[in-house]
Each structure stands twice: as structure tokens, then as C-alpha cells.
N, C-alpha and C. Protein backbone atom coordinates (compact mmCIF):
# COMPACT_ATOMS: atom_id res chain seq x y z
N MET A 1 198.04 102.85 99.02
CA MET A 1 196.60 103.10 98.92
C MET A 1 195.84 101.84 98.51
N LEU A 2 196.41 101.08 97.58
CA LEU A 2 195.73 99.87 97.13
C LEU A 2 195.55 98.87 98.26
N SER A 3 196.49 98.86 99.19
CA SER A 3 196.40 97.89 100.29
C SER A 3 195.19 98.13 101.17
N LEU A 4 194.69 99.37 101.17
CA LEU A 4 193.54 99.69 101.99
C LEU A 4 192.27 99.05 101.45
N LEU A 5 192.29 98.66 100.19
CA LEU A 5 191.11 98.09 99.57
C LEU A 5 191.04 96.58 99.70
N VAL A 6 192.07 95.99 100.25
CA VAL A 6 192.12 94.54 100.37
C VAL A 6 191.57 94.13 101.73
N PRO A 7 190.43 93.44 101.77
CA PRO A 7 189.85 93.04 103.05
C PRO A 7 190.69 91.99 103.75
N SER A 8 190.64 92.02 105.07
CA SER A 8 191.38 91.04 105.86
C SER A 8 190.47 89.87 106.21
N TYR A 9 191.00 88.66 106.11
CA TYR A 9 190.21 87.47 106.42
C TYR A 9 190.73 86.79 107.68
N ALA A 10 191.69 87.40 108.36
CA ALA A 10 192.33 86.74 109.50
C ALA A 10 192.06 87.49 110.79
N GLN A 11 190.82 87.92 111.00
CA GLN A 11 190.48 88.70 112.18
C GLN A 11 189.36 88.01 112.96
N ASN A 12 189.53 86.73 113.17
CA ASN A 12 188.51 85.95 113.86
C ASN A 12 189.06 85.15 115.04
N SER A 13 190.30 85.41 115.44
CA SER A 13 190.88 84.66 116.55
C SER A 13 190.36 85.19 117.88
N ASN A 14 190.55 84.41 118.92
CA ASN A 14 190.15 84.84 120.26
C ASN A 14 190.78 86.18 120.61
N GLN A 15 192.07 86.32 120.30
CA GLN A 15 192.77 87.56 120.63
C GLN A 15 192.26 88.73 119.81
N ASP A 16 191.84 88.46 118.57
CA ASP A 16 191.28 89.53 117.75
C ASP A 16 190.01 90.09 118.38
N TYR A 17 189.16 89.21 118.88
CA TYR A 17 187.94 89.66 119.56
C TYR A 17 188.29 90.46 120.81
N VAL A 18 189.24 89.97 121.58
CA VAL A 18 189.65 90.66 122.81
C VAL A 18 190.21 92.04 122.48
N ASN A 19 191.09 92.10 121.50
CA ASN A 19 191.68 93.39 121.12
C ASN A 19 190.62 94.37 120.63
N ALA A 20 189.68 93.88 119.85
CA ALA A 20 188.63 94.74 119.30
C ALA A 20 187.76 95.32 120.41
N HIS A 21 187.63 94.60 121.52
CA HIS A 21 186.88 95.11 122.67
C HIS A 21 187.73 96.02 123.55
N ASN A 22 188.97 95.65 123.77
CA ASN A 22 189.79 96.41 124.71
C ASN A 22 190.23 97.76 124.18
N THR A 23 190.31 97.91 122.87
CA THR A 23 190.68 99.22 122.32
C THR A 23 189.64 100.28 122.67
N PRO A 24 188.35 100.08 122.38
CA PRO A 24 187.37 101.09 122.77
C PRO A 24 187.18 101.19 124.27
N ARG A 25 187.38 100.11 125.00
CA ARG A 25 187.29 100.17 126.46
C ARG A 25 188.40 101.05 127.02
N GLY A 26 189.59 100.91 126.48
CA GLY A 26 190.70 101.74 126.92
C GLY A 26 190.47 103.21 126.63
N GLN A 27 189.77 103.50 125.56
CA GLN A 27 189.52 104.88 125.17
C GLN A 27 188.63 105.61 126.17
N VAL A 28 187.85 104.86 126.94
CA VAL A 28 186.98 105.49 127.94
C VAL A 28 187.40 105.12 129.36
N GLY A 29 188.61 104.59 129.50
CA GLY A 29 189.15 104.32 130.82
C GLY A 29 188.56 103.13 131.53
N VAL A 30 188.09 102.16 130.76
CA VAL A 30 187.50 100.95 131.33
C VAL A 30 188.51 99.81 131.25
N GLY A 31 188.53 98.95 132.25
CA GLY A 31 189.47 97.84 132.29
C GLY A 31 189.26 96.85 131.15
N VAL A 32 190.21 95.98 130.98
CA VAL A 32 190.21 95.05 129.86
C VAL A 32 189.25 93.88 130.10
N VAL A 33 188.86 93.24 129.01
CA VAL A 33 188.12 91.99 129.08
C VAL A 33 189.10 90.85 128.82
N THR A 34 188.76 89.68 129.30
CA THR A 34 189.57 88.49 129.03
C THR A 34 188.68 87.43 128.39
N TRP A 35 189.33 86.53 127.67
CA TRP A 35 188.60 85.47 126.98
C TRP A 35 188.20 84.38 127.97
N ASN A 36 186.97 83.91 127.83
CA ASN A 36 186.45 82.89 128.73
C ASN A 36 185.93 81.71 127.91
N THR A 37 186.45 80.53 128.18
CA THR A 37 186.09 79.36 127.38
C THR A 37 184.64 78.93 127.58
N THR A 38 184.10 79.18 128.77
CA THR A 38 182.69 78.85 128.99
C THR A 38 181.79 79.70 128.10
N LEU A 39 182.11 80.99 128.02
CA LEU A 39 181.35 81.89 127.16
C LEU A 39 181.57 81.54 125.69
N GLU A 40 182.80 81.16 125.36
CA GLU A 40 183.10 80.77 123.99
C GLU A 40 182.25 79.57 123.57
N THR A 41 182.17 78.58 124.45
CA THR A 41 181.37 77.39 124.16
C THR A 41 179.90 77.74 124.02
N TYR A 42 179.42 78.61 124.90
CA TYR A 42 178.03 79.04 124.83
C TYR A 42 177.75 79.74 123.50
N ALA A 43 178.64 80.68 123.14
CA ALA A 43 178.47 81.42 121.89
C ALA A 43 178.53 80.49 120.68
N GLN A 44 179.48 79.56 120.70
CA GLN A 44 179.63 78.64 119.57
C GLN A 44 178.40 77.74 119.42
N ASN A 45 177.90 77.24 120.54
CA ASN A 45 176.72 76.38 120.49
C ASN A 45 175.51 77.12 119.94
N TYR A 46 175.35 78.38 120.37
CA TYR A 46 174.20 79.13 119.88
C TYR A 46 174.37 79.51 118.41
N ALA A 47 175.59 79.89 118.03
CA ALA A 47 175.84 80.21 116.62
C ALA A 47 175.54 79.00 115.74
N ASN A 48 175.91 77.83 116.20
CA ASN A 48 175.63 76.61 115.44
C ASN A 48 174.13 76.40 115.26
N GLN A 49 173.36 76.78 116.27
CA GLN A 49 171.90 76.64 116.19
C GLN A 49 171.29 77.57 115.16
N ARG A 50 171.98 78.66 114.85
CA ARG A 50 171.45 79.67 113.93
C ARG A 50 171.92 79.45 112.50
N LYS A 51 172.70 78.41 112.25
CA LYS A 51 173.18 78.17 110.89
C LYS A 51 172.04 77.97 109.90
N GLY A 52 170.98 77.35 110.35
CA GLY A 52 169.88 77.04 109.45
C GLY A 52 169.11 78.25 108.96
N ASP A 53 168.90 79.26 109.84
CA ASP A 53 168.12 80.43 109.45
C ASP A 53 168.93 81.72 109.46
N CYS A 54 170.03 81.75 110.19
CA CYS A 54 170.91 82.93 110.27
C CYS A 54 170.18 84.16 110.81
N ASN A 55 169.12 83.95 111.56
CA ASN A 55 168.35 85.07 112.09
C ASN A 55 169.01 85.67 113.32
N LEU A 56 168.87 86.98 113.44
CA LEU A 56 169.41 87.69 114.60
C LEU A 56 168.40 87.62 115.74
N VAL A 57 168.27 86.45 116.29
CA VAL A 57 167.36 86.20 117.41
C VAL A 57 168.20 85.89 118.63
N HIS A 58 167.94 86.58 119.72
CA HIS A 58 168.75 86.39 120.92
C HIS A 58 168.48 85.05 121.59
N SER A 59 169.50 84.55 122.25
CA SER A 59 169.39 83.27 122.96
C SER A 59 168.65 83.41 124.28
N TYR A 60 168.62 84.63 124.83
CA TYR A 60 168.00 84.90 126.13
C TYR A 60 168.56 83.98 127.21
N GLY A 61 169.86 83.81 127.16
CA GLY A 61 170.55 83.03 128.17
C GLY A 61 171.00 83.91 129.32
N PRO A 62 171.95 83.44 130.12
CA PRO A 62 172.37 84.16 131.32
C PRO A 62 173.38 85.27 131.07
N TYR A 63 173.78 85.48 129.80
CA TYR A 63 174.85 86.43 129.51
C TYR A 63 174.36 87.60 128.68
N GLY A 64 175.16 88.68 128.69
CA GLY A 64 174.94 89.76 127.75
C GLY A 64 175.25 89.24 126.36
N GLU A 65 174.72 89.90 125.34
CA GLU A 65 174.85 89.32 124.00
C GLU A 65 174.77 90.39 122.91
N ASN A 66 175.70 90.35 121.97
CA ASN A 66 175.65 91.17 120.77
C ASN A 66 175.67 90.24 119.56
N LEU A 67 174.87 90.57 118.55
CA LEU A 67 174.78 89.76 117.35
C LEU A 67 175.02 90.61 116.11
N ALA A 68 175.54 89.98 115.08
CA ALA A 68 175.70 90.65 113.78
C ALA A 68 175.85 89.58 112.71
N LYS A 69 175.54 89.94 111.47
CA LYS A 69 175.80 89.02 110.37
C LYS A 69 176.07 89.80 109.10
N GLY A 70 176.86 89.20 108.21
CA GLY A 70 177.21 89.83 106.95
C GLY A 70 177.34 88.79 105.86
N SER A 71 177.08 89.21 104.63
CA SER A 71 177.04 88.25 103.53
C SER A 71 178.39 87.97 102.91
N ALA A 72 179.39 88.82 103.16
CA ALA A 72 180.71 88.62 102.55
C ALA A 72 181.66 87.96 103.53
N SER A 73 182.58 87.17 103.02
CA SER A 73 183.56 86.51 103.89
C SER A 73 184.44 87.51 104.60
N SER A 74 184.51 88.74 104.08
CA SER A 74 185.28 89.79 104.73
C SER A 74 184.60 90.33 105.97
N PHE A 75 183.37 89.86 106.26
CA PHE A 75 182.69 90.25 107.49
C PHE A 75 183.24 89.38 108.62
N THR A 76 184.33 89.83 109.19
CA THR A 76 185.04 89.07 110.22
C THR A 76 184.47 89.36 111.60
N GLY A 77 184.99 88.65 112.59
CA GLY A 77 184.61 88.93 113.96
C GLY A 77 184.98 90.34 114.36
N THR A 78 186.16 90.78 113.95
CA THR A 78 186.59 92.14 114.24
C THR A 78 185.66 93.15 113.59
N ALA A 79 185.24 92.88 112.36
CA ALA A 79 184.33 93.78 111.67
C ALA A 79 183.01 93.91 112.41
N ALA A 80 182.53 92.81 112.98
CA ALA A 80 181.29 92.84 113.74
C ALA A 80 181.44 93.71 114.99
N VAL A 81 182.53 93.53 115.72
CA VAL A 81 182.76 94.33 116.92
C VAL A 81 182.88 95.81 116.55
N ASN A 82 183.59 96.09 115.47
CA ASN A 82 183.73 97.48 115.03
C ASN A 82 182.38 98.09 114.67
N LEU A 83 181.49 97.27 114.14
CA LEU A 83 180.14 97.74 113.81
C LEU A 83 179.41 98.16 115.08
N TRP A 84 179.55 97.37 116.13
CA TRP A 84 178.92 97.72 117.41
C TRP A 84 179.56 98.97 118.01
N VAL A 85 180.88 99.04 117.93
CA VAL A 85 181.60 100.18 118.51
C VAL A 85 181.26 101.47 117.78
N ALA A 86 180.91 101.38 116.52
CA ALA A 86 180.57 102.58 115.73
C ALA A 86 179.38 103.32 116.31
N GLU A 87 178.59 102.66 117.15
CA GLU A 87 177.45 103.32 117.78
C GLU A 87 177.89 104.35 118.83
N LYS A 88 179.16 104.39 119.15
CA LYS A 88 179.67 105.33 120.15
C LYS A 88 179.28 106.76 119.82
N GLN A 89 179.24 107.07 118.53
CA GLN A 89 178.94 108.45 118.12
C GLN A 89 177.55 108.89 118.58
N TYR A 90 176.69 107.95 118.90
CA TYR A 90 175.33 108.30 119.32
C TYR A 90 175.15 108.30 120.83
N TYR A 91 176.21 107.96 121.57
CA TYR A 91 176.08 107.89 123.03
C TYR A 91 176.61 109.15 123.68
N ASN A 92 175.82 109.73 124.58
CA ASN A 92 176.18 110.93 125.31
C ASN A 92 176.50 110.55 126.75
N TYR A 93 177.78 110.64 127.13
CA TYR A 93 178.18 110.26 128.48
C TYR A 93 177.65 111.24 129.51
N GLY A 94 177.42 112.49 129.11
CA GLY A 94 176.92 113.47 130.05
C GLY A 94 175.52 113.16 130.54
N SER A 95 174.65 112.77 129.60
CA SER A 95 173.26 112.48 129.94
C SER A 95 172.97 110.99 130.03
N ASN A 96 173.95 110.17 129.68
CA ASN A 96 173.78 108.71 129.68
C ASN A 96 172.61 108.28 128.78
N THR A 97 172.54 108.90 127.62
CA THR A 97 171.46 108.59 126.68
C THR A 97 172.02 108.45 125.27
N CYS A 98 171.20 107.84 124.42
CA CYS A 98 171.51 107.80 122.99
C CYS A 98 170.90 109.03 122.33
N ALA A 99 171.47 109.43 121.21
CA ALA A 99 170.89 110.52 120.44
C ALA A 99 169.50 110.11 119.98
N THR A 100 168.61 111.09 119.86
CA THR A 100 167.24 110.82 119.45
C THR A 100 167.21 110.09 118.11
N GLY A 101 166.48 109.00 118.09
CA GLY A 101 166.34 108.24 116.86
C GLY A 101 167.48 107.29 116.57
N GLN A 102 168.44 107.20 117.50
CA GLN A 102 169.58 106.30 117.31
C GLN A 102 169.57 105.25 118.42
N GLN A 103 170.49 104.32 118.34
CA GLN A 103 170.63 103.32 119.38
C GLN A 103 172.11 103.03 119.59
N CYS A 104 172.44 102.67 120.80
CA CYS A 104 173.85 102.48 121.13
C CYS A 104 174.05 101.37 122.16
N GLY A 105 173.06 100.50 122.30
CA GLY A 105 173.15 99.43 123.29
C GLY A 105 174.25 98.43 123.02
N HIS A 106 174.59 98.22 121.74
CA HIS A 106 175.68 97.30 121.43
C HIS A 106 177.01 97.89 121.91
N TYR A 107 177.16 99.21 121.69
CA TYR A 107 178.39 99.88 122.13
C TYR A 107 178.52 99.84 123.65
N THR A 108 177.43 100.17 124.35
CA THR A 108 177.53 100.20 125.81
C THR A 108 177.84 98.82 126.37
N GLN A 109 177.36 97.76 125.70
CA GLN A 109 177.71 96.42 126.15
C GLN A 109 179.20 96.15 125.95
N VAL A 110 179.75 96.60 124.85
CA VAL A 110 181.17 96.39 124.58
C VAL A 110 182.04 97.05 125.64
N VAL A 111 181.66 98.25 126.09
CA VAL A 111 182.50 99.00 127.03
C VAL A 111 181.98 98.94 128.46
N TRP A 112 181.00 98.08 128.74
CA TRP A 112 180.45 98.01 130.10
C TRP A 112 181.53 97.57 131.08
N ARG A 113 181.73 98.38 132.13
CA ARG A 113 182.84 98.15 133.06
C ARG A 113 182.77 96.77 133.71
N ASP A 114 181.59 96.37 134.13
CA ASP A 114 181.45 95.11 134.85
C ASP A 114 181.57 93.88 133.95
N SER A 115 181.38 94.06 132.67
CA SER A 115 181.48 92.93 131.73
C SER A 115 182.95 92.67 131.43
N VAL A 116 183.55 91.78 132.18
CA VAL A 116 185.00 91.59 132.10
C VAL A 116 185.40 90.28 131.43
N ARG A 117 184.42 89.44 131.10
CA ARG A 117 184.70 88.18 130.42
C ARG A 117 183.86 88.10 129.15
N ILE A 118 184.50 87.68 128.06
CA ILE A 118 183.78 87.54 126.80
C ILE A 118 184.09 86.20 126.15
N GLY A 119 183.21 85.80 125.28
CA GLY A 119 183.43 84.63 124.44
C GLY A 119 182.63 84.85 123.17
N CYS A 120 183.24 84.65 122.02
CA CYS A 120 182.58 84.95 120.75
C CYS A 120 182.70 83.78 119.79
N ALA A 121 181.88 83.80 118.76
CA ALA A 121 181.93 82.76 117.74
C ALA A 121 181.46 83.34 116.41
N ARG A 122 181.95 82.74 115.34
CA ARG A 122 181.57 83.13 113.98
C ARG A 122 181.35 81.86 113.17
N VAL A 123 180.20 81.77 112.53
CA VAL A 123 179.89 80.60 111.70
C VAL A 123 179.38 81.06 110.35
N GLN A 124 179.49 80.19 109.37
CA GLN A 124 178.88 80.44 108.07
C GLN A 124 177.54 79.72 108.03
N CYS A 125 176.49 80.47 107.77
CA CYS A 125 175.15 79.90 107.74
C CYS A 125 174.93 79.12 106.44
N ASN A 126 173.85 78.39 106.40
CA ASN A 126 173.54 77.60 105.21
C ASN A 126 173.30 78.46 103.98
N ASN A 127 172.90 79.73 104.20
CA ASN A 127 172.67 80.63 103.07
C ASN A 127 173.93 81.36 102.63
N GLY A 128 175.06 81.03 103.25
CA GLY A 128 176.33 81.64 102.87
C GLY A 128 176.73 82.85 103.69
N TRP A 129 175.81 83.35 104.53
CA TRP A 129 176.13 84.50 105.35
C TRP A 129 177.04 84.09 106.51
N TYR A 130 177.65 85.10 107.14
CA TYR A 130 178.52 84.88 108.30
C TYR A 130 177.87 85.50 109.52
N TYR A 131 177.73 84.70 110.56
CA TYR A 131 176.99 85.05 111.77
C TYR A 131 177.98 85.19 112.92
N VAL A 132 177.92 86.32 113.62
CA VAL A 132 178.84 86.59 114.72
C VAL A 132 178.05 86.85 116.00
N ILE A 133 178.48 86.21 117.06
CA ILE A 133 177.88 86.42 118.38
C ILE A 133 178.99 86.60 119.40
N CYS A 134 178.81 87.56 120.29
CA CYS A 134 179.69 87.72 121.45
C CYS A 134 178.83 87.67 122.71
N SER A 135 179.28 86.89 123.68
CA SER A 135 178.60 86.77 124.97
C SER A 135 179.43 87.47 126.03
N TYR A 136 178.76 88.08 127.02
CA TYR A 136 179.43 88.91 128.02
C TYR A 136 179.00 88.51 129.42
N ASP A 137 179.97 88.48 130.33
CA ASP A 137 179.69 88.14 131.72
C ASP A 137 180.54 89.02 132.64
N PRO A 138 179.88 89.68 133.62
CA PRO A 138 178.44 89.81 133.78
C PRO A 138 177.84 90.64 132.64
N PRO A 139 176.55 90.53 132.39
CA PRO A 139 175.94 91.29 131.30
C PRO A 139 175.79 92.76 131.65
N GLY A 140 175.77 93.60 130.63
CA GLY A 140 175.49 95.02 130.83
C GLY A 140 174.00 95.25 130.82
N ARG A 141 173.58 96.42 131.25
CA ARG A 141 172.16 96.73 131.27
C ARG A 141 171.64 97.00 129.87
N SER A 142 170.36 96.70 129.64
CA SER A 142 169.77 96.91 128.33
C SER A 142 169.35 98.35 128.12
N LYS A 143 169.10 99.07 129.19
CA LYS A 143 168.69 100.46 129.07
C LYS A 143 169.89 101.37 129.23
N VAL A 144 169.99 102.35 128.34
CA VAL A 144 171.12 103.26 128.37
C VAL A 144 170.86 104.43 129.31
N VAL A 145 169.61 104.88 129.37
CA VAL A 145 169.29 106.05 130.19
C VAL A 145 169.67 105.79 131.63
N GLY A 146 170.48 106.69 132.19
CA GLY A 146 170.89 106.57 133.58
C GLY A 146 171.90 105.48 133.82
N ALA A 147 172.49 104.96 132.76
CA ALA A 147 173.43 103.84 132.92
C ALA A 147 174.73 104.16 132.22
N ASP A 148 175.65 104.74 132.94
CA ASP A 148 176.97 105.02 132.38
C ASP A 148 177.76 103.72 132.36
N PRO A 149 178.15 103.24 131.18
CA PRO A 149 178.84 101.96 131.11
C PRO A 149 180.20 101.95 131.79
N SER A 150 180.73 103.13 132.09
CA SER A 150 182.04 103.18 132.75
C SER A 150 181.92 103.20 134.26
N GLU A 151 180.68 103.23 134.78
CA GLU A 151 180.48 103.22 136.22
C GLU A 151 180.22 101.80 136.70
N GLU A 152 180.69 101.51 137.90
CA GLU A 152 180.43 100.20 138.47
C GLU A 152 178.97 100.09 138.87
N THR A 153 178.40 98.88 138.74
CA THR A 153 177.00 98.68 139.07
C THR A 153 176.86 97.51 140.02
N SER A 154 175.72 97.46 140.69
CA SER A 154 175.42 96.30 141.52
C SER A 154 174.74 95.25 140.66
N SER A 155 174.67 94.02 141.17
CA SER A 155 174.07 92.95 140.38
C SER A 155 172.60 93.22 140.09
N SER A 156 171.93 93.96 140.96
CA SER A 156 170.51 94.23 140.74
C SER A 156 170.29 95.18 139.58
N GLU A 157 171.33 95.90 139.18
CA GLU A 157 171.20 96.86 138.09
C GLU A 157 171.53 96.25 136.74
N GLU A 158 172.07 95.05 136.74
CA GLU A 158 172.52 94.45 135.50
C GLU A 158 171.39 93.74 134.78
N GLY A 159 171.48 93.69 133.43
CA GLY A 159 170.47 93.02 132.63
C GLY A 159 171.04 92.67 131.28
N LYS A 160 170.26 92.02 130.44
CA LYS A 160 170.72 91.60 129.13
C LYS A 160 170.19 92.54 128.06
N VAL A 161 170.98 92.79 127.05
CA VAL A 161 170.54 93.61 125.93
C VAL A 161 169.45 92.85 125.17
N ASP A 162 168.33 93.51 124.94
CA ASP A 162 167.20 92.89 124.26
C ASP A 162 166.93 93.64 122.97
N ASN A 163 167.26 93.06 121.85
CA ASN A 163 167.10 93.72 120.57
C ASN A 163 165.71 93.47 120.01
N SER A 164 165.10 94.49 119.40
CA SER A 164 163.73 94.35 118.96
C SER A 164 163.52 94.54 117.47
N ILE A 165 164.47 95.13 116.76
CA ILE A 165 164.37 95.20 115.31
C ILE A 165 165.71 94.87 114.72
N GLU A 166 165.72 94.51 113.46
CA GLU A 166 166.99 94.28 112.82
C GLU A 166 167.07 95.09 111.55
N VAL A 167 168.25 95.54 111.20
CA VAL A 167 168.45 96.43 110.08
C VAL A 167 169.44 95.81 109.12
N SER A 168 169.10 95.79 107.84
CA SER A 168 169.99 95.25 106.83
C SER A 168 170.56 96.39 106.01
N VAL A 169 171.87 96.43 105.90
CA VAL A 169 172.53 97.50 105.17
C VAL A 169 173.52 96.90 104.19
N ASP A 170 173.35 97.20 102.89
CA ASP A 170 174.34 96.78 101.90
C ASP A 170 175.45 97.81 101.90
N MET A 171 176.67 97.39 102.18
CA MET A 171 177.78 98.34 102.30
C MET A 171 178.99 97.83 101.55
N LEU A 172 179.82 98.77 101.10
CA LEU A 172 181.06 98.39 100.45
C LEU A 172 182.07 97.96 101.50
N VAL A 173 182.60 96.77 101.36
CA VAL A 173 183.65 96.28 102.24
C VAL A 173 184.81 95.87 101.36
N GLY A 174 185.89 96.63 101.42
CA GLY A 174 186.99 96.38 100.51
C GLY A 174 186.53 96.59 99.08
N ASN A 175 186.67 95.58 98.24
CA ASN A 175 186.22 95.67 96.86
C ASN A 175 184.85 95.05 96.66
N ASP A 176 184.28 94.49 97.73
CA ASP A 176 183.02 93.77 97.61
C ASP A 176 181.89 94.55 98.26
N ILE A 177 180.69 94.33 97.75
CA ILE A 177 179.50 94.85 98.41
C ILE A 177 179.03 93.80 99.40
N SER A 178 178.98 94.18 100.65
CA SER A 178 178.63 93.23 101.71
C SER A 178 177.34 93.67 102.37
N GLU A 179 176.46 92.74 102.61
CA GLU A 179 175.23 93.05 103.32
C GLU A 179 175.42 92.72 104.78
N LYS A 180 175.15 93.67 105.64
CA LYS A 180 175.33 93.49 107.07
C LYS A 180 174.00 93.67 107.78
N GLU A 181 173.82 92.96 108.85
CA GLU A 181 172.64 93.13 109.68
C GLU A 181 173.07 93.20 111.13
N ILE A 182 172.46 94.12 111.87
CA ILE A 182 172.69 94.20 113.30
C ILE A 182 171.35 94.36 113.99
N GLY A 183 171.26 93.91 115.21
CA GLY A 183 170.05 94.11 115.98
C GLY A 183 170.09 95.48 116.63
N CYS A 184 168.92 96.04 116.88
CA CYS A 184 168.85 97.37 117.47
C CYS A 184 168.08 97.31 118.77
N VAL A 185 168.55 98.02 119.77
CA VAL A 185 167.94 97.95 121.09
C VAL A 185 166.57 98.60 121.09
N GLY A 186 165.56 97.86 121.48
CA GLY A 186 164.21 98.39 121.56
C GLY A 186 164.13 99.50 122.58
N GLY A 187 163.40 100.57 122.24
CA GLY A 187 163.25 101.69 123.16
C GLY A 187 164.25 102.79 122.90
N ASP A 188 165.34 102.50 122.26
CA ASP A 188 166.33 103.52 121.96
C ASP A 188 166.16 104.06 120.54
N VAL A 189 165.21 103.50 119.78
CA VAL A 189 164.98 103.93 118.42
C VAL A 189 163.55 104.43 118.31
N ASP A 190 163.39 105.72 117.93
CA ASP A 190 162.05 106.27 117.81
C ASP A 190 161.33 105.70 116.60
N SER A 191 162.05 105.44 115.53
CA SER A 191 161.46 104.84 114.34
C SER A 191 162.54 104.16 113.54
N GLU A 192 162.16 103.17 112.75
CA GLU A 192 163.12 102.48 111.92
C GLU A 192 163.72 103.43 110.90
N GLU A 193 162.90 104.36 110.39
CA GLU A 193 163.39 105.31 109.39
C GLU A 193 164.48 106.20 109.98
N GLU A 194 164.27 106.66 111.22
CA GLU A 194 165.26 107.52 111.85
C GLU A 194 166.56 106.78 112.09
N PHE A 195 166.47 105.51 112.50
CA PHE A 195 167.70 104.75 112.72
C PHE A 195 168.44 104.55 111.42
N LEU A 196 167.70 104.25 110.36
CA LEU A 196 168.34 104.02 109.07
C LEU A 196 169.03 105.28 108.56
N SER A 197 168.41 106.45 108.81
CA SER A 197 169.05 107.68 108.36
C SER A 197 170.36 107.89 109.08
N GLY A 198 170.44 107.43 110.33
CA GLY A 198 171.69 107.54 111.07
C GLY A 198 172.73 106.57 110.58
N VAL A 199 172.30 105.35 110.23
CA VAL A 199 173.25 104.36 109.74
C VAL A 199 173.84 104.79 108.43
N SER A 200 172.99 105.26 107.51
CA SER A 200 173.47 105.62 106.18
C SER A 200 174.16 106.97 106.17
N GLY A 201 173.82 107.82 107.15
CA GLY A 201 174.42 109.15 107.19
C GLY A 201 173.69 110.14 106.32
N LYS A 202 172.67 109.70 105.61
CA LYS A 202 171.88 110.58 104.76
C LYS A 202 170.59 109.85 104.40
N ARG A 203 169.57 110.62 104.03
CA ARG A 203 168.27 110.04 103.74
C ARG A 203 168.28 109.27 102.42
N SER A 204 168.83 109.87 101.37
CA SER A 204 168.88 109.19 100.09
C SER A 204 170.26 108.63 99.87
N VAL A 205 170.34 107.38 99.42
CA VAL A 205 171.61 106.70 99.29
C VAL A 205 171.74 106.14 97.89
N GLU A 206 172.94 106.24 97.33
CA GLU A 206 173.19 105.64 96.03
C GLU A 206 172.96 104.13 96.12
N ARG A 207 172.08 103.60 95.27
CA ARG A 207 171.76 102.18 95.33
C ARG A 207 172.99 101.33 95.04
N SER A 208 173.90 101.84 94.21
CA SER A 208 175.07 101.06 93.84
C SER A 208 176.07 100.95 94.99
N VAL A 209 175.91 101.79 96.01
CA VAL A 209 176.84 101.78 97.13
C VAL A 209 176.17 101.22 98.38
N ASN A 210 175.14 101.89 98.86
CA ASN A 210 174.46 101.45 100.08
C ASN A 210 172.97 101.34 99.83
N ARG A 211 172.40 100.17 100.04
CA ARG A 211 170.96 99.99 99.94
C ARG A 211 170.42 99.69 101.32
N ILE A 212 169.48 100.51 101.76
CA ILE A 212 168.95 100.37 103.11
C ILE A 212 167.63 99.60 103.06
N GLU A 213 167.49 98.66 103.94
CA GLU A 213 166.28 97.83 103.99
C GLU A 213 165.97 97.52 105.44
N VAL A 214 164.70 97.64 105.81
CA VAL A 214 164.28 97.33 107.17
C VAL A 214 163.55 96.00 107.16
N LEU A 215 163.90 95.15 108.09
CA LEU A 215 163.28 93.84 108.21
C LEU A 215 162.56 93.73 109.54
N SER A 216 161.51 92.97 109.58
CA SER A 216 160.83 92.71 110.85
C SER A 216 161.63 91.71 111.64
N CYS A 217 161.68 91.92 112.94
CA CYS A 217 162.43 91.01 113.81
C CYS A 217 161.51 89.92 114.33
N ASP A 218 162.00 88.71 114.41
CA ASP A 218 161.23 87.62 115.01
C ASP A 218 161.03 87.91 116.49
N ARG A 219 159.86 87.76 116.97
CA ARG A 219 159.59 88.06 118.37
C ARG A 219 159.12 86.82 119.10
């Protein structure tokens, strides 16, 4: 039991990122992703650019993109991918929509069938936070409605995930309290309050465990 409380610090390798993506992809019958050095270089270069401010601002480059950051060193690359995958609970494959007031664009990008190449990077920002970016090629669509990530798409249907708000959540990670931030897909969230209630799992949260805070996103 005690071993479960010890955070892992060795989950940032290329293979760790690939495994973290291929596990949820396999669960929905989607083919595997492979590591791509061009995407890795792109992700690393952009992550380096964000060291100064650590803001979750998209690069708006040619690839799909997921971003996350956390204040504890235990916020690994795998932890970031798992954070995106956790949005699966809000995605309805029958209607190809997110649950009302929730968002799941990060998850759909992770499991998008056509996105078969990835490259990720993790850097420590000047403020001590850890910044994670994964780039995807080809990119998945930014809109979930009518877009089953397990279905093949034409190039005209593909697009980049465009995040419009960011959410900061203080969460227990192992023995440490870690602050995490993820971007949220614009249009899939009816209100910041509704999204936060979904993240925390309840409206009122013990301050000593989870503190919810909404931040304005740079536009």
C-alpha cells in the first residue's frame, strides 16, 4: 500500500509517451502511434519557448497539439497524457459529443485514428513548473460533434485543437500537493463553473486537498 503513495519520476521517455497513448487507443480499437523525431523537435522547440512564462498558449503550427503543466516534479509526461485521457468519461461515442458542460478534445486527439505520429517534450519553466506538450500528425479535428475519433477522415475534415480557457487544479499527487493546468476546448464547455465541477467531481472541495481556480487564457 505504501508503494502506491510514492510518485514515479521516470515516466518521461519517448516510449513512455507512446505507451500512454497506445493504451487508450487500444481500448477503443484504434491503431498505435509511433514516435516521430520531427514532431519531437517541434515540441521541444516550442516547450523551450514557453520556459519564460509557462503559459498554456498553443503554437498554432501544422500539427495537432495537447498542453499541460504541473507544479510538482511528479507531474511527468505520462501524468499529462493520463490527464488528457481522463476526459474519456465525458465523451459519448454514440452521439459523438461531450457531456454538457464538459470537454473532451484532448482525449479525442489522443485516440484520433488518423493521428499516427507523435512527438512530445517536457521542460521545467523558470517558475519551477513542468510544461508538457505533445504534437500529433496528422492532427485531429477540434470539434467533437459529428467526429468519431475512431473513424477514418479525409484531410478536409482534419483540424487542430484550439483551446480557449485554462483551468488550474491543486491536486494530491503521491504525497505532494501538485497544481495542474490543462487547456479546455472552446465550444465544448458551457461555463467555466460547470467544467470545474466536473474536474473536481463536486461543487465544494476541501481546500486542503483540491483547490479549484479559473484563469483567463491568453488570446
